[in-house]
């Protein structure tokens, strides 16, 4: 029997700006033999600003800001596992918006 896909409420969808800002991530803790599906969102400018504020002085706090604001399912389980936590950080970093720039001479 296939597992049901994880879903989030319409409130979460509205809060992040729509389903186009949500992604499924599959996190694995090889030590405990656990693999879970979670829903993450693209960090907005406020979350990115908070992350950047702490990234140099307190990287652990910066990563927790990302996970607590951009992970929408299984938060407690992910926070309790070092491997799942680092997987969530990597998943969120993978979907961070990077603007494209073209420069020209002045």
PDB file of N, CA and C in Angstrom:
ATOM      1  N   UNK A   1       0.841  -1.178   0.000  1.00  0.00           N
ATOM      2  CA  UNK A   1       0.000   0.000   0.000  1.00  0.00           C
ATOM      3  C   UNK A   1       0.891   1.248   0.000  1.00  0.00           C
ATOM      4  N   UNK A   2       0.636   2.167  -0.899  1.00  0.00           N
ATOM      5  CA  UNK A   2       1.446   3.381  -1.020  1.00  0.00           C
ATOM      6  C   UNK A   2       1.134   4.349   0.117  1.00  0.00           C
ATOM      7  N   UNK A   3       2.182   5.027   0.576  1.00  0.00           N
ATOM      8  CA  UNK A   3       1.995   6.029   1.621  1.00  0.00           C
ATOM      9  C   UNK A   3       1.303   7.252   1.034  1.00  0.00           C
ATOM     10  N   UNK A   4       0.435   7.852   1.818  1.00  0.00           N
ATOM     11  CA  UNK A   4      -0.218   9.088   1.392  1.00  0.00           C
ATOM     12  C   UNK A   4       0.804  10.215   1.398  1.00  0.00           C
ATOM     13  N   UNK A   5       0.711  11.079   0.404  1.00  0.00           N
ATOM     14  CA  UNK A   5       1.609  12.225   0.358  1.00  0.00           C
ATOM     15  C   UNK A   5       1.245  13.211   1.460  1.00  0.00           C
ATOM     16  N   UNK A   6       2.278  13.817   2.038  1.00  0.00           N
ATOM     17  CA  UNK A   6       2.055  14.828   3.075  1.00  0.00           C
ATOM     18  C   UNK A   6       1.442  16.064   2.435  1.00  0.00           C
ATOM     19  N   UNK A   7       0.589  16.706   3.193  1.00  0.00           N
ATOM     20  CA  UNK A   7      -0.032  17.934   2.734  1.00  0.00           C
ATOM     21  C   UNK A   7      -0.008  18.957   3.867  1.00  0.00           C
ATOM     22  N   UNK A   8      -0.160  20.212   3.503  1.00  0.00           N
ATOM     23  CA  UNK A   8      -0.252  21.280   4.492  1.00  0.00           C
ATOM     24  C   UNK A   8      -1.598  21.977   4.323  1.00  0.00           C
ATOM     25  N   UNK A   9      -1.987  22.725   5.330  1.00  0.00           N
ATOM     26  CA  UNK A   9      -3.282  23.406   5.297  1.00  0.00           C
ATOM     27  C   UNK A   9      -3.260  24.583   4.323  1.00  0.00           C
ATOM     28  N   UNK A  10      -4.443  25.042   3.986  1.00  0.00           N
ATOM     29  CA  UNK A  10      -4.561  26.200   3.102  1.00  0.00           C
ATOM     30  C   UNK A  10      -3.956  27.438   3.767  1.00  0.00           C
ATOM     31  N   UNK A  11      -4.015  27.513   5.098  1.00  0.00           N
ATOM     32  CA  UNK A  11      -3.403  28.645   5.813  1.00  0.00           C
ATOM     33  C   UNK A  11      -1.901  28.708   5.556  1.00  0.00           C
ATOM     34  N   UNK A  12      -1.230  27.552   5.590  1.00  0.00           N
ATOM     35  CA  UNK A  12       0.217  27.510   5.319  1.00  0.00           C
ATOM     36  C   UNK A  12       0.480  27.914   3.877  1.00  0.00           C
ATOM     37  N   UNK A  13      -0.322  27.399   2.964  1.00  0.00           N
ATOM     38  CA  UNK A  13      -0.150  27.748   1.540  1.00  0.00           C
ATOM     39  C   UNK A  13      -0.281  29.252   1.351  1.00  0.00           C
ATOM     40  N   UNK A  14      -1.285  29.844   1.975  1.00  0.00           N
ATOM     41  CA  UNK A  14      -1.480  31.292   1.873  1.00  0.00           C
ATOM     42  C   UNK A  14      -0.333  32.056   2.522  1.00  0.00           C
ATOM     43  N   UNK A  15       0.143  31.573   3.666  1.00  0.00           N
ATOM     44  CA  UNK A  15       1.225  32.257   4.397  1.00  0.00           C
ATOM     45  C   UNK A  15       2.515  32.323   3.581  1.00  0.00           C
ATOM     46  N   UNK A  16       2.833  31.250   2.841  1.00  0.00           N
ATOM     47  CA  UNK A  16       4.083  31.229   2.077  1.00  0.00           C
ATOM     48  C   UNK A  16       3.937  31.863   0.698  1.00  0.00           C
ATOM     49  N   UNK A  17       2.712  32.191   0.291  1.00  0.00           N
ATOM     50  CA  UNK A  17       2.516  32.872  -0.983  1.00  0.00           C
ATOM     51  C   UNK A  17       2.009  31.984  -2.101  1.00  0.00           C
ATOM     52  N   UNK A  18       1.666  30.753  -1.807  1.00  0.00           N
ATOM     53  CA  UNK A  18       1.127  29.845  -2.821  1.00  0.00           C
ATOM     54  C   UNK A  18       1.919  28.557  -2.913  1.00  0.00           C
ATOM     55  N   UNK A  19       1.314  27.575  -3.586  1.00  0.00           N
ATOM     56  CA  UNK A  19       1.942  26.247  -3.673  1.00  0.00           C
ATOM     57  C   UNK A  19       3.255  26.271  -4.443  1.00  0.00           C
ATOM     58  N   UNK A  20       3.466  27.279  -5.272  1.00  0.00           N
ATOM     59  CA  UNK A  20       4.722  27.345  -6.025  1.00  0.00           C
ATOM     60  C   UNK A  20       5.927  27.582  -5.115  1.00  0.00           C
ATOM     61  N   UNK A  21       5.684  27.980  -3.871  1.00  0.00           N
ATOM     62  CA  UNK A  21       6.768  28.200  -2.910  1.00  0.00           C
ATOM     63  C   UNK A  21       6.988  27.006  -1.975  1.00  0.00           C
ATOM     64  N   UNK A  22       6.281  25.915  -2.219  1.00  0.00           N
ATOM     65  CA  UNK A  22       6.409  24.709  -1.393  1.00  0.00           C
ATOM     66  C   UNK A  22       7.096  23.592  -2.180  1.00  0.00           C
ATOM     67  N   UNK A  23       7.876  22.795  -1.479  1.00  0.00           N
ATOM     68  CA  UNK A  23       8.569  21.646  -2.087  1.00  0.00           C
ATOM     69  C   UNK A  23       8.500  20.458  -1.133  1.00  0.00           C
ATOM     70  N   UNK A  24       8.534  19.272  -1.694  1.00  0.00           N
ATOM     71  CA  UNK A  24       8.652  18.054  -0.897  1.00  0.00           C
ATOM     72  C   UNK A  24      10.134  17.725  -0.776  1.00  0.00           C
ATOM     73  N   UNK A  25      10.543  17.339   0.413  1.00  0.00           N
ATOM     74  CA  UNK A  25      11.937  16.915   0.628  1.00  0.00           C
ATOM     75  C   UNK A  25      11.890  15.557   1.323  1.00  0.00           C
ATOM     76  N   UNK A  26      12.813  14.696   0.956  1.00  0.00           N
ATOM     77  CA  UNK A  26      12.893  13.366   1.548  1.00  0.00           C
ATOM     78  C   UNK A  26      14.186  13.306   2.354  1.00  0.00           C
ATOM     79  N   UNK A  27      14.033  13.285   3.671  1.00  0.00           N
ATOM     80  CA  UNK A  27      15.172  13.334   4.582  1.00  0.00           C
ATOM     81  C   UNK A  27      15.451  11.932   5.110  1.00  0.00           C
ATOM     82  N   UNK A  28      16.739  11.631   5.290  1.00  0.00           N
ATOM     83  CA  UNK A  28      17.115  10.298   5.745  1.00  0.00           C
ATOM     84  C   UNK A  28      18.101  10.386   6.895  1.00  0.00           C
ATOM     85  N   UNK A  29      17.804   9.636   7.952  1.00  0.00           N
ATOM     86  CA  UNK A  29      18.717   9.468   9.073  1.00  0.00           C
ATOM     87  C   UNK A  29      19.237   8.040   8.976  1.00  0.00           C
ATOM     88  N   UNK A  30      20.436   7.897   8.425  1.00  0.00           N
ATOM     89  CA  UNK A  30      20.984   6.566   8.188  1.00  0.00           C
ATOM     90  C   UNK A  30      21.348   5.851   9.483  1.00  0.00           C
ATOM     91  N   UNK A  31      21.658   6.600  10.532  1.00  0.00           N
ATOM     92  CA  UNK A  31      22.018   5.987  11.814  1.00  0.00           C
ATOM     93  C   UNK A  31      20.798   5.282  12.424  1.00  0.00           C
ATOM     94  N   UNK A  32      19.662   5.973  12.420  1.00  0.00           N
ATOM     95  CA  UNK A  32      18.441   5.402  13.005  1.00  0.00           C
ATOM     96  C   UNK A  32      17.618   4.619  11.986  1.00  0.00           C
ATOM     97  N   UNK A  33      18.015   4.683  10.711  1.00  0.00           N
ATOM     98  CA  UNK A  33      17.275   3.973   9.679  1.00  0.00           C
ATOM     99  C   UNK A  33      15.903   4.563   9.404  1.00  0.00           C
ATOM    100  N   UNK A  34      15.797   5.873   9.496  1.00  0.00           N
ATOM    101  CA  UNK A  34      14.520   6.567   9.302  1.00  0.00           C
ATOM    102  C   UNK A  34      14.592   7.413   8.037  1.00  0.00           C
ATOM    103  N   UNK A  35      13.532   7.359   7.254  1.00  0.00           N
ATOM    104  CA  UNK A  35      13.409   8.246   6.096  1.00  0.00           C
ATOM    105  C   UNK A  35      12.015   8.854   6.140  1.00  0.00           C
ATOM    106  N   UNK A  36      11.945  10.182   6.051  1.00  0.00           N
ATOM    107  CA  UNK A  36      10.650  10.850   6.110  1.00  0.00           C
ATOM    108  C   UNK A  36      10.506  11.851   4.973  1.00  0.00           C
ATOM    109  N   UNK A  37       9.265  12.090   4.618  1.00  0.00           N
ATOM    110  CA  UNK A  37       8.927  13.122   3.646  1.00  0.00           C
ATOM    111  C   UNK A  37       8.463  14.337   4.427  1.00  0.00           C
ATOM    112  N   UNK A  38       8.986  15.500   4.087  1.00  0.00           N
ATOM    113  CA  UNK A  38       8.575  16.739   4.736  1.00  0.00           C
ATOM    114  C   UNK A  38       8.224  17.772   3.670  1.00  0.00           C
ATOM    115  N   UNK A  39       7.515  18.793   4.087  1.00  0.00           N
ATOM    116  CA  UNK A  39       7.180  19.911   3.206  1.00  0.00           C
ATOM    117  C   UNK A  39       7.972  21.121   3.682  1.00  0.00           C
ATOM    118  N   UNK A  40       8.737  21.713   2.772  1.00  0.00           N
ATOM    119  CA  UNK A  40       9.508  22.913   3.079  1.00  0.00           C
ATOM    120  C   UNK A  40       9.074  24.031   2.141  1.00  0.00           C
ATOM    121  N   UNK A  41       9.318  25.264   2.591  1.00  0.00           N
ATOM    122  CA  UNK A  41       8.974  26.402   1.743  1.00  0.00           C
ATOM    123  C   UNK A  41      10.220  27.227   1.458  1.00  0.00           C
ATOM    124  N   UNK A  42      10.147  27.966   0.392  1.00  0.00           N
ATOM    125  CA  UNK A  42      11.213  28.900   0.036  1.00  0.00           C
ATOM    126  C   UNK A  42      11.224  29.999   1.089  1.00  0.00           C
ATOM    127  N   UNK A  43      12.381  30.299   1.678  1.00  0.00           N
ATOM    128  CA  UNK A  43      12.420  31.358   2.693  1.00  0.00           C
ATOM    129  C   UNK A  43      12.114  32.722   2.079  1.00  0.00           C
ATOM    130  N   UNK A  44      11.328  33.515   2.808  1.00  0.00           N
ATOM    131  CA  UNK A  44      11.050  34.868   2.326  1.00  0.00           C
ATOM    132  C   UNK A  44      12.174  35.811   2.771  1.00  0.00           C
ATOM    133  N   UNK A  45      12.064  37.076   2.421  1.00  0.00           N
ATOM    134  CA  UNK A  45      13.139  38.024   2.733  1.00  0.00           C
ATOM    135  C   UNK A  45      13.330  38.235   4.232  1.00  0.00           C
ATOM    136  N   UNK A  46      12.255  38.178   4.988  1.00  0.00           N
ATOM    137  CA  UNK A  46      12.368  38.363   6.440  1.00  0.00           C
ATOM    138  C   UNK A  46      13.167  37.204   7.048  1.00  0.00           C
ATOM    139  N   UNK A  47      12.824  35.978   6.665  1.00  0.00           N
ATOM    140  CA  UNK A  47      13.527  34.800   7.187  1.00  0.00           C
ATOM    141  C   UNK A  47      14.987  34.815   6.726  1.00  0.00           C
ATOM    142  N   UNK A  48      15.220  35.142   5.461  1.00  0.00           N
ATOM    143  CA  UNK A  48      16.597  35.217   4.962  1.00  0.00           C
ATOM    144  C   UNK A  48      17.393  36.289   5.705  1.00  0.00           C
ATOM    145  N   UNK A  49      16.756  37.410   6.020  1.00  0.00           N
ATOM    146  CA  UNK A  49      17.430  38.467   6.767  1.00  0.00           C
ATOM    147  C   UNK A  49      17.840  38.006   8.155  1.00  0.00           C
ATOM    148  N   UNK A  50      16.929  37.310   8.840  1.00  0.00           N
ATOM    149  CA  UNK A  50      17.247  36.773  10.165  1.00  0.00           C
ATOM    150  C   UNK A  50      18.358  35.730  10.067  1.00  0.00           C
ATOM    151  N   UNK A  51      18.277  34.887   9.054  1.00  0.00           N
ATOM    152  CA  UNK A  51      19.309  33.863   8.842  1.00  0.00           C
ATOM    153  C   UNK A  51      20.673  34.520   8.627  1.00  0.00           C
ATOM    154  N   UNK A  52      20.725  35.518   7.763  1.00  0.00           N
ATOM    155  CA  UNK A  52      21.989  36.187   7.447  1.00  0.00           C
ATOM    156  C   UNK A  52      22.553  36.922   8.666  1.00  0.00           C
ATOM    157  N   UNK A  53      21.661  37.457   9.508  1.00  0.00           N
ATOM    158  CA  UNK A  53      22.099  38.183  10.693  1.00  0.00           C
ATOM    159  C   UNK A  53      22.912  37.276  11.624  1.00  0.00           C
ATOM    160  N   UNK A  54      22.524  36.013  11.710  1.00  0.00           N
ATOM    161  CA  UNK A  54      23.195  35.091  12.632  1.00  0.00           C
ATOM    162  C   UNK A  54      24.176  34.136  11.958  1.00  0.00           C
ATOM    163  N   UNK A  55      24.220  34.107  10.646  1.00  0.00           N
ATOM    164  CA  UNK A  55      25.016  33.082   9.954  1.00  0.00           C
ATOM    165  C   UNK A  55      26.504  33.128  10.298  1.00  0.00           C
ATOM    166  N   UNK A  56      27.063  34.293  10.537  1.00  0.00           N
ATOM    167  CA  UNK A  56      28.482  34.401  10.861  1.00  0.00           C
ATOM    168  C   UNK A  56      28.766  34.289  12.357  1.00  0.00           C
ATOM    169  N   UNK A  57      27.855  34.791  13.190  1.00  0.00           N
ATOM    170  CA  UNK A  57      28.117  34.826  14.632  1.00  0.00           C
ATOM    171  C   UNK A  57      27.578  33.612  15.378  1.00  0.00           C
ATOM    172  N   UNK A  58      26.505  33.006  14.871  1.00  0.00           N
ATOM    173  CA  UNK A  58      25.907  31.853  15.542  1.00  0.00           C
ATOM    174  C   UNK A  58      25.246  30.950  14.497  1.00  0.00           C
ATOM    175  N   UNK A  59      26.047  30.157  13.780  1.00  0.00           N
ATOM    176  CA  UNK A  59      25.505  29.334  12.693  1.00  0.00           C
ATOM    177  C   UNK A  59      24.391  28.378  13.127  1.00  0.00           C
ATOM    178  N   UNK A  60      24.480  27.837  14.336  1.00  0.00           N
ATOM    179  CA  UNK A  60      23.442  26.918  14.816  1.00  0.00           C
ATOM    180  C   UNK A  60      22.094  27.638  14.893  1.00  0.00           C
ATOM    181  N   UNK A  61      22.099  28.835  15.448  1.00  0.00           N
ATOM    182  CA  UNK A  61      20.864  29.615  15.545  1.00  0.00           C
ATOM    183  C   UNK A  61      20.351  29.983  14.152  1.00  0.00           C
ATOM    184  N   UNK A  62      21.248  30.313  13.246  1.00  0.00           N
ATOM    185  CA  UNK A  62      20.856  30.654  11.870  1.00  0.00           C
ATOM    186  C   UNK A  62      20.157  29.467  11.206  1.00  0.00           C
ATOM    187  N   UNK A  63      20.718  28.264  11.380  1.00  0.00           N
ATOM    188  CA  UNK A  63      20.107  27.070  10.797  1.00  0.00           C
ATOM    189  C   UNK A  63      18.752  26.787  11.437  1.00  0.00           C
ATOM    190  N   UNK A  64      18.649  26.974  12.745  1.00  0.00           N
ATOM    191  CA  UNK A  64      17.370  26.755  13.420  1.00  0.00           C
ATOM    192  C   UNK A  64      16.304  27.737  12.923  1.00  0.00           C
ATOM    193  N   UNK A  65      16.699  28.970  12.632  1.00  0.00           N
ATOM    194  CA  UNK A  65      15.761  29.951  12.080  1.00  0.00           C
ATOM    195  C   UNK A  65      15.207  29.447  10.759  1.00  0.00           C
ATOM    196  N   UNK A  66      16.072  28.941   9.898  1.00  0.00           N
ATOM    197  CA  UNK A  66      15.618  28.404   8.611  1.00  0.00           C
ATOM    198  C   UNK A  66      14.643  27.252   8.811  1.00  0.00           C
ATOM    199  N   UNK A  67      15.033  26.282   9.622  1.00  0.00           N
ATOM    200  CA  UNK A  67      14.213  25.086   9.788  1.00  0.00           C
ATOM    201  C   UNK A  67      12.879  25.422  10.449  1.00  0.00           C
ATOM    202  N   UNK A  68      12.897  26.210  11.497  1.00  0.00           N
ATOM    203  CA  UNK A  68      11.657  26.515  12.210  1.00  0.00           C
ATOM    204  C   UNK A  68      10.684  27.352  11.388  1.00  0.00           C
ATOM    205  N   UNK A  69      11.201  28.130  10.441  1.00  0.00           N
ATOM    206  CA  UNK A  69      10.330  28.975   9.627  1.00  0.00           C
ATOM    207  C   UNK A  69       9.956  28.375   8.282  1.00  0.00           C
ATOM    208  N   UNK A  70      10.735  27.431   7.792  1.00  0.00           N
ATOM    209  CA  UNK A  70      10.505  26.911   6.445  1.00  0.00           C
ATOM    210  C   UNK A  70      10.108  25.439   6.396  1.00  0.00           C
ATOM    211  N   UNK A  71      10.139  24.762   7.517  1.00  0.00           N
ATOM    212  CA  UNK A  71       9.717  23.363   7.579  1.00  0.00           C
ATOM    213  C   UNK A  71       8.290  23.347   8.111  1.00  0.00           C
ATOM    214  N   UNK A  72       7.378  22.699   7.378  1.00  0.00           N
ATOM    215  CA  UNK A  72       5.958  22.774   7.735  1.00  0.00           C
ATOM    216  C   UNK A  72       5.361  21.451   8.197  1.00  0.00           C
ATOM    217  N   UNK A  73       6.134  20.388   8.185  1.00  0.00           N
ATOM    218  CA  UNK A  73       5.658  19.097   8.698  1.00  0.00           C
ATOM    219  C   UNK A  73       6.776  18.450   9.503  1.00  0.00           C
ATOM    220  N   UNK A  74       6.427  17.645  10.475  1.00  0.00           N
ATOM    221  CA  UNK A  74       7.385  16.842  11.249  1.00  0.00           C
ATOM    222  C   UNK A  74       8.496  17.669  11.911  1.00  0.00           C
ATOM    223  N   UNK A  75       8.190  18.862  12.352  1.00  0.00           N
ATOM    224  CA  UNK A  75       9.199  19.757  12.916  1.00  0.00           C
ATOM    225  C   UNK A  75       9.879  19.137  14.138  1.00  0.00           C
ATOM    226  N   UNK A  76       9.083  18.585  15.055  1.00  0.00           N
ATOM    227  CA  UNK A  76       9.662  18.014  16.282  1.00  0.00           C
ATOM    228  C   UNK A  76      10.598  16.854  15.968  1.00  0.00           C
ATOM    229  N   UNK A  77      10.187  15.981  15.057  1.00  0.00           N
ATOM    230  CA  UNK A  77      11.028  14.836  14.691  1.00  0.00           C
ATOM    231  C   UNK A  77      12.333  15.299  14.049  1.00  0.00           C
ATOM    232  N   UNK A  78      12.263  16.291  13.198  1.00  0.00           N
ATOM    233  CA  UNK A  78      13.464  16.805  12.532  1.00  0.00           C
ATOM    234  C   UNK A  78      14.385  17.503  13.533  1.00  0.00           C
ATOM    235  N   UNK A  79      13.815  18.291  14.430  1.00  0.00           N
ATOM    236  CA  UNK A  79      14.634  18.999  15.419  1.00  0.00           C
ATOM    237  C   UNK A  79      15.324  18.025  16.381  1.00  0.00           C
ATOM    238  N   UNK A  80      14.750  16.843  16.575  1.00  0.00           N
ATOM    239  CA  UNK A  80      15.307  15.864  17.508  1.00  0.00           C
ATOM    240  C   UNK A  80      16.418  15.008  16.906  1.00  0.00           C
ATOM    241  N   UNK A  81      16.604  15.071  15.590  1.00  0.00           N
ATOM    242  CA  UNK A  81      17.593  14.228  14.922  1.00  0.00           C
ATOM    243  C   UNK A  81      18.631  15.091  14.212  1.00  0.00           C
ATOM    244  N   UNK A  82      19.879  14.901  14.547  1.00  0.00           N
ATOM    245  CA  UNK A  82      20.964  15.662  13.915  1.00  0.00           C
ATOM    246  C   UNK A  82      20.969  15.475  12.400  1.00  0.00           C
ATOM    247  N   UNK A  83      20.792  14.239  11.946  1.00  0.00           N
ATOM    248  CA  UNK A  83      20.855  13.955  10.514  1.00  0.00           C
ATOM    249  C   UNK A  83      19.654  14.528   9.758  1.00  0.00           C
ATOM    250  N   UNK A  84      18.460  14.362  10.323  1.00  0.00           N
ATOM    251  CA  UNK A  84      17.270  14.930   9.678  1.00  0.00           C
ATOM    252  C   UNK A  84      17.341  16.458   9.670  1.00  0.00           C
ATOM    253  N   UNK A  85      17.841  17.039  10.760  1.00  0.00           N
ATOM    254  CA  UNK A  85      17.973  18.496  10.853  1.00  0.00           C
ATOM    255  C   UNK A  85      18.899  19.025   9.755  1.00  0.00           C
ATOM    256  N   UNK A  86      20.078  18.404   9.635  1.00  0.00           N
ATOM    257  CA  UNK A  86      21.032  18.868   8.616  1.00  0.00           C
ATOM    258  C   UNK A  86      20.489  18.630   7.204  1.00  0.00           C
ATOM    259  N   UNK A  87      19.715  17.567   7.033  1.00  0.00           N
ATOM    260  CA  UNK A  87      19.067  17.331   5.740  1.00  0.00           C
ATOM    261  C   UNK A  87      18.057  18.410   5.421  1.00  0.00           C
ATOM    262  N   UNK A  88      17.301  18.835   6.429  1.00  0.00           N
ATOM    263  CA  UNK A  88      16.322  19.906   6.225  1.00  0.00           C
ATOM    264  C   UNK A  88      17.013  21.224   5.881  1.00  0.00           C
ATOM    265  N   UNK A  89      18.107  21.523   6.572  1.00  0.00           N
ATOM    266  CA  UNK A  89      18.876  22.738   6.266  1.00  0.00           C
ATOM    267  C   UNK A  89      19.353  22.694   4.810  1.00  0.00           C
ATOM    268  N   UNK A  90      19.873  21.551   4.385  1.00  0.00           N
ATOM    269  CA  UNK A  90      20.359  21.403   3.014  1.00  0.00           C
ATOM    270  C   UNK A  90      19.218  21.553   2.001  1.00  0.00           C
ATOM    271  N   UNK A  91      18.059  20.982   2.318  1.00  0.00           N
ATOM    272  CA  UNK A  91      16.910  21.083   1.410  1.00  0.00           C
ATOM    273  C   UNK A  91      16.455  22.531   1.259  1.00  0.00           C
ATOM    274  N   UNK A  92      16.399  23.254   2.368  1.00  0.00           N
ATOM    275  CA  UNK A  92      15.976  24.656   2.318  1.00  0.00           C
ATOM    276  C   UNK A  92      17.019  25.499   1.583  1.00  0.00           C
ATOM    277  N   UNK A  93      18.285  25.229   1.836  1.00  0.00           N
ATOM    278  CA  UNK A  93      19.353  25.963   1.133  1.00  0.00           C
ATOM    279  C   UNK A  93      19.280  25.719  -0.374  1.00  0.00           C
ATOM    280  N   UNK A  94      18.889  24.516  -0.751  1.00  0.00           N
ATOM    281  CA  UNK A  94      18.793  24.160  -2.176  1.00  0.00           C
ATOM    282  C   UNK A  94      17.722  24.977  -2.899  1.00  0.00           C
ATOM    283  N   UNK A  95      16.660  25.350  -2.187  1.00  0.00           N
ATOM    284  CA  UNK A  95      15.565  26.073  -2.850  1.00  0.00           C
ATOM    285  C   UNK A  95      15.579  27.576  -2.563  1.00  0.00           C
ATOM    286  N   UNK A  96      16.621  28.062  -1.883  1.00  0.00           N
ATOM    287  CA  UNK A  96      16.717  29.504  -1.625  1.00  0.00           C
ATOM    288  C   UNK A  96      16.741  30.260  -2.949  1.00  0.00           C
ATOM    289  N   UNK A  97      16.008  31.351  -3.006  1.00  0.00           N
ATOM    290  CA  UNK A  97      15.977  32.112  -4.256  1.00  0.00           C
ATOM    291  C   UNK A  97      17.302  32.822  -4.527  1.00  0.00           C
ATOM    292  N   UNK A  98      17.816  32.614  -5.704  1.00  0.00           N
ATOM    293  CA  UNK A  98      19.033  33.300  -6.142  1.00  0.00           C
ATOM    294  C   UNK A  98      18.655  34.100  -7.385  1.00  0.00           C
ATOM    295  N   UNK A  99      18.779  35.406  -7.277  1.00  0.00           N
ATOM    296  CA  UNK A  99      18.432  36.256  -8.405  1.00  0.00           C
ATOM    297  C   UNK A  99      19.483  36.179  -9.505  1.00  0.00           C
ATOM    298  N   UNK A 100      19.034  36.376 -10.715  1.00  0.00           N
ATOM    299  CA  UNK A 100      19.949  36.368 -11.850  1.00  0.00           C
ATOM    300  C   UNK A 100      20.241  37.817 -12.229  1.00  0.00           C
ATOM    301  N   UNK A 101      21.487  38.100 -12.505  1.00  0.00           N
ATOM    302  CA  UNK A 101      21.892  39.471 -12.795  1.00  0.00           C
ATOM    303  C   UNK A 101      22.676  39.505 -14.097  1.00  0.00           C
ATOM    304  N   UNK A 102      22.432  40.532 -14.876  1.00  0.00           N
ATOM    305  CA  UNK A 102      23.249  40.809 -16.052  1.00  0.00           C
ATOM    306  C   UNK A 102      23.823  42.194 -15.871  1.00  0.00           C
ATOM    307  N   UNK A 103      25.107  42.313 -16.004  1.00  0.00           N
ATOM    308  CA  UNK A 103      25.754  43.602 -15.834  1.00  0.00           C
ATOM    309  C   UNK A 103      26.231  44.131 -17.177  1.00  0.00           C
ATOM    310  N   UNK A 104      26.258  45.442 -17.275  1.00  0.00           N
ATOM    311  CA  UNK A 104      26.767  46.084 -18.468  1.00  0.00           C
ATOM    312  C   UNK A 104      27.655  47.253 -18.078  1.00  0.00           C
ATOM    313  N   UNK A 105      28.422  47.730 -19.032  1.00  0.00           N
ATOM    314  CA  UNK A 105      29.300  48.866 -18.760  1.00  0.00           C
ATOM    315  C   UNK A 105      28.475  50.112 -18.500  1.00  0.00           C
ATOM    316  N   UNK A 106      29.017  50.952 -17.681  1.00  0.00           N
ATOM    317  CA  UNK A 106      28.369  52.210 -17.320  1.00  0.00           C
ATOM    318  C   UNK A 106      28.473  53.198 -18.448  1.00  0.00           C
TER     319      UNK A 106
END
